[in-house]
C-alpha atoms as a PDB file:
ATOM      1  CA  PHE A   1       0.000   0.000   0.000  1.00  0.00           C
ATOM      2  CA  HIS A   2       0.936   3.652  -0.289  1.00  0.00           C
ATOM      3  CA  GLU A   3       0.262   6.352   2.305  1.00  0.00           C
ATOM      4  CA  LEU A   4      -1.063   9.762   1.353  1.00  0.00           C
ATOM      5  CA  SER A   5      -1.299  12.644   3.833  1.00  0.00           C
ATOM      6  CA  VAL A   6      -4.175  15.095   3.490  1.00  0.00           C
ATOM      7  CA  LYS A   7      -5.004  18.082   5.672  1.00  0.00           C
ATOM      8  CA  ASN A   8      -7.593  20.819   5.827  1.00  0.00           C
ATOM      9  CA  ASP A   9      -6.034  24.064   4.626  1.00  0.00           C
ATOM     10  CA  TYR A  10      -9.003  26.013   5.970  1.00  0.00           C
ATOM     11  CA  MET A  11     -10.088  26.827   9.534  1.00  0.00           C
ATOM     12  CA  GLY A  12     -11.168  24.088  11.916  1.00  0.00           C
ATOM     13  CA  PHE A  13     -12.381  20.618  11.085  1.00  0.00           C
ATOM     14  CA  ALA A  14     -14.107  19.424   7.937  1.00  0.00           C
ATOM     15  CA  ASP A  15     -15.765  16.102   7.231  1.00  0.00           C
ATOM     16  CA  PHE A  16     -14.298  14.383   4.185  1.00  0.00           C
ATOM     17  CA  ARG A  17     -15.081  11.578   1.794  1.00  0.00           C
ATOM     18  CA  ALA A  18     -12.423   9.726  -0.168  1.00  0.00           C
ATOM     19  CA  ALA A  19     -13.240   7.456  -3.097  1.00  0.00           C
ATOM     20  CA  PHE A  20     -12.108   6.421  -6.536  1.00  0.00           C
ATOM     21  CA  THR A  21     -14.155   7.587  -9.490  1.00  0.00           C
ATOM     22  CA  SER A  22     -16.655   5.100 -10.895  1.00  0.00           C
ATOM     23  CA  ASP A  23     -14.510   4.525 -13.988  1.00  0.00           C
ATOM     24  CA  SER A  24     -11.457   3.572 -11.885  1.00  0.00           C
ATOM     25  CA  PRO A  25     -10.649  -0.140 -11.728  1.00  0.00           C
ATOM     26  CA  ALA A  26     -11.623  -2.107  -8.616  1.00  0.00           C
ATOM     27  CA  ALA A  27      -7.901  -2.851  -8.176  1.00  0.00           C
ATOM     28  CA  PHE A  28      -7.622   0.443  -6.252  1.00  0.00           C
ATOM     29  CA  SER A  29      -9.028   1.073  -2.762  1.00  0.00           C
ATOM     30  CA  VAL A  30      -8.641   3.733  -0.061  1.00  0.00           C
ATOM     31  CA  ASP A  31      -8.992   3.613   3.726  1.00  0.00           C
ATOM     32  CA  PRO A  32     -10.458   5.446   5.528  1.00  0.00           C
ATOM     33  CA  SER A  33     -13.115   6.466   3.050  1.00  0.00           C
ATOM     34  CA  GLU A  34     -14.536   9.133   5.341  1.00  0.00           C
ATOM     35  CA  GLY A  35     -13.644  11.056   8.468  1.00  0.00           C
ATOM     36  CA  ALA A  36     -12.631  14.528   9.628  1.00  0.00           C
ATOM     37  CA  LEU A  37      -9.725  16.637   8.414  1.00  0.00           C
ATOM     38  CA  SER A  38      -7.944  19.263  10.481  1.00  0.00           C
ATOM     39  CA  LYS A  39      -4.727  21.269  10.199  1.00  0.00           C
ATOM     40  CA  ASP A  40      -2.887  18.080  11.224  1.00  0.00           C
ATOM     41  CA  PRO A  41      -2.428  15.632   8.355  1.00  0.00           C
ATOM     42  CA  THR A  42      -4.699  12.602   8.077  1.00  0.00           C
ATOM     43  CA  THR A  43      -3.094   9.531   6.521  1.00  0.00           C
ATOM     44  CA  LEU A  44      -4.987   7.665   3.827  1.00  0.00           C
ATOM     45  CA  GLN A  45      -3.861   4.195   2.794  1.00  0.00           C
ATOM     46  CA  VAL A  46      -4.193   3.524  -0.928  1.00  0.00           C
ATOM     47  CA  ARG A  47      -4.035  -0.116  -1.982  1.00  0.00           C
ATOM     48  CA  PHE A  48      -3.424  -1.603  -5.418  1.00  0.00           C
ATOM     49  CA  ARG A  49      -4.508  -5.217  -5.874  1.00  0.00           C
ATOM     50  CA  PRO A  50      -4.784  -5.969  -9.592  1.00  0.00           C
ATOM     51  CA  ASP A  51      -6.807  -8.904 -10.892  1.00  0.00           C
ATOM     52  CA  GLY A  52      -4.671  -9.273 -14.014  1.00  0.00           C
ATOM     53  CA  MET A  53      -1.589  -8.088 -15.838  1.00  0.00           C
ATOM     54  CA  GLY A  54      -1.071  -4.625 -17.309  1.00  0.00           C
ATOM     55  CA  VAL A  55      -1.303  -0.939 -16.490  1.00  0.00           C
ATOM     56  CA  PHE A  56      -4.206   0.342 -14.379  1.00  0.00           C
ATOM     57  CA  GLU A  57      -5.188   4.023 -14.046  1.00  0.00           C
ATOM     58  CA  GLY A  58      -7.563   5.430 -11.468  1.00  0.00           C
ATOM     59  CA  TYR A  59      -8.577   8.756  -9.968  1.00  0.00           C
ATOM     60  CA  LEU A  60      -8.765   9.265  -6.201  1.00  0.00           C
ATOM     61  CA  VAL A  61     -11.034  12.109  -5.076  1.00  0.00           C
ATOM     62  CA  VAL A  62     -10.947  13.613  -1.570  1.00  0.00           C
ATOM     63  CA  GLU A  63     -13.772  16.062  -1.009  1.00  0.00           C
ATOM     64  CA  THR A  64     -14.971  18.320   1.805  1.00  0.00           C
ATOM     65  CA  GLU A  65     -17.487  21.129   1.861  1.00  0.00           C
ATOM     66  CA  ASP A  66     -14.635  23.572   1.106  1.00  0.00           C
ATOM     67  CA  PHE A  67     -12.444  21.754  -1.429  1.00  0.00           C
ATOM     68  CA  LYS A  68     -12.059  18.841  -3.797  1.00  0.00           C
ATOM     69  CA  LYS A  69      -8.663  17.280  -4.572  1.00  0.00           C
ATOM     70  CA  THR A  70      -8.043  14.662  -7.247  1.00  0.00           C
ATOM     71  CA  TRP A  71      -4.999  12.445  -7.822  1.00  0.00           C
ATOM     72  CA  LYS A  72      -4.331  10.289 -10.859  1.00  0.00           C
ATOM     73  CA  LEU A  73      -2.846   6.955  -9.804  1.00  0.00           C
ATOM     74  CA  ILE A  74      -1.122   4.460 -12.070  1.00  0.00           C
ATOM     75  CA  GLY A  75      -0.496   0.878 -11.028  1.00  0.00           C
ATOM     76  CA  THR A  76       1.457  -1.658 -13.059  1.00  0.00           C
ATOM     77  CA  THR A  77       2.171  -5.371 -12.865  1.00  0.00           C
ATOM     78  CA  GLY A  78       5.121  -7.374 -14.075  1.00  0.00           C
END
C-alpha cells in the first residue's frame, strides 16, 4: 500500500469523503473512506490489488465542503 497525507487548509475541522471515481478499476481502494480533516495531516492508505496483468489508471477524489482534490494513480504489474 501507499500512504497519502491530506489536511484541511481552511479553519477548523471538515468532514471528508475519499473514493475512486466510478470509472477507476476495482484494483484500487482507499482507507479510511470518510472522516474529519484538520490542520494536522490525516493519513490515507491507498491499496493496489490488480486482478490481471497490465497498467491500471484510477482517480482518487478527496472532497470536503470547502475543497475537492483529485490524484491520478497508475499501477502496473510485471
